[in-house]
Amino acid sequence: SEMCKETALKYANLDKNNVTLVKAIEENDEGKIVYEIKWKDSTYEYDFDISKTGEMINYDKDRLYD
């Protein structure tokens, strides 16, 4: 969902113009809808799990080339 993509960007203080959307999928996690969103830039990959209501469930940031 667009709202969840925006939530992810805001949460990690990312600028949409500086990152690339890698993945945005809706998953059913034990009966709850969760959006898996992944952004990346030239250095990092940012992974988010966000609930349907826009609540941040999980956030992870990893260096791309370690």
Protein backbone atom coordinates (compact mmCIF):
# COMPACT_ATOMS: atom_id res chain seq x y z
CA SER A 1 0.00 0.00 0.00
CA GLU A 2 1.14 3.54 -0.71
CA MET A 3 0.56 4.52 2.91
CA CYS A 4 2.90 1.78 4.11
CA LYS A 5 5.62 2.79 1.65
CA GLU A 6 5.38 6.38 2.91
CA THR A 7 5.38 5.19 6.53
CA ALA A 8 8.58 3.24 5.85
CA LEU A 9 10.29 6.24 4.27
CA LYS A 10 9.32 8.53 7.13
CA TYR A 11 10.30 6.02 9.79
CA ALA A 12 13.84 5.65 8.45
CA ASN A 13 14.05 9.32 7.41
CA LEU A 14 14.60 8.41 3.75
CA ASP A 15 14.06 10.58 0.70
CA LYS A 16 12.00 8.82 -1.98
CA ASN A 17 14.30 10.35 -4.63
CA ASN A 18 17.38 8.70 -3.14
CA VAL A 19 16.09 5.16 -2.70
CA THR A 20 14.80 2.39 -4.95
CA LEU A 21 11.81 0.26 -4.08
CA VAL A 22 12.92 -3.38 -4.17
CA LYS A 23 9.84 -5.10 -2.78
CA ALA A 24 6.36 -4.25 -1.56
CA ILE A 25 4.23 -7.29 -0.90
CA GLU A 26 1.25 -8.11 1.25
CA GLU A 27 1.63 -11.18 3.41
CA ASN A 28 -0.74 -13.07 5.65
CA ASP A 29 1.10 -13.66 8.91
CA GLU A 30 -1.01 -15.95 11.10
CA GLY A 31 -4.22 -14.24 10.04
CA LYS A 32 -2.82 -10.71 10.18
CA ILE A 33 -2.06 -8.75 7.02
CA VAL A 34 1.53 -7.49 7.03
CA TYR A 35 3.22 -5.41 4.35
CA GLU A 36 6.83 -6.34 3.62
CA ILE A 37 8.60 -3.36 2.14
CA LYS A 38 12.20 -3.11 1.08
CA TRP A 39 13.99 0.04 -0.10
CA LYS A 40 17.66 0.37 -1.01
CA ASP A 41 20.16 3.06 -1.85
CA SER A 42 23.78 2.78 -2.90
CA THR A 43 24.93 1.77 0.59
CA TYR A 44 22.08 0.18 2.54
CA GLU A 45 19.08 -2.02 2.23
CA TYR A 46 16.12 -1.12 4.43
CA ASP A 47 13.59 -3.80 5.38
CA PHE A 48 10.23 -3.02 6.94
CA ASP A 49 7.29 -5.04 8.18
CA ILE A 50 4.28 -2.80 8.61
CA SER A 51 0.78 -3.71 9.76
CA LYS A 52 -2.31 -2.86 7.75
CA THR A 53 -2.98 -0.03 10.20
CA GLY A 54 0.45 1.48 9.54
CA GLU A 55 2.14 0.25 12.70
CA MET A 56 5.86 -0.54 12.41
CA ILE A 57 6.37 -4.18 13.36
CA ASN A 58 9.98 -4.63 12.34
CA TYR A 59 12.73 -2.47 10.83
CA ASP A 60 16.15 -3.60 9.71
CA LYS A 61 18.96 -1.77 7.96
CA ASP A 62 21.89 -3.64 6.42
CA ARG A 63 24.95 -2.60 4.48
CA LEU A 64 24.72 -3.93 0.93
CA TYR A 65 28.36 -4.86 0.52
CA ASP A 66 29.80 -6.30 3.69
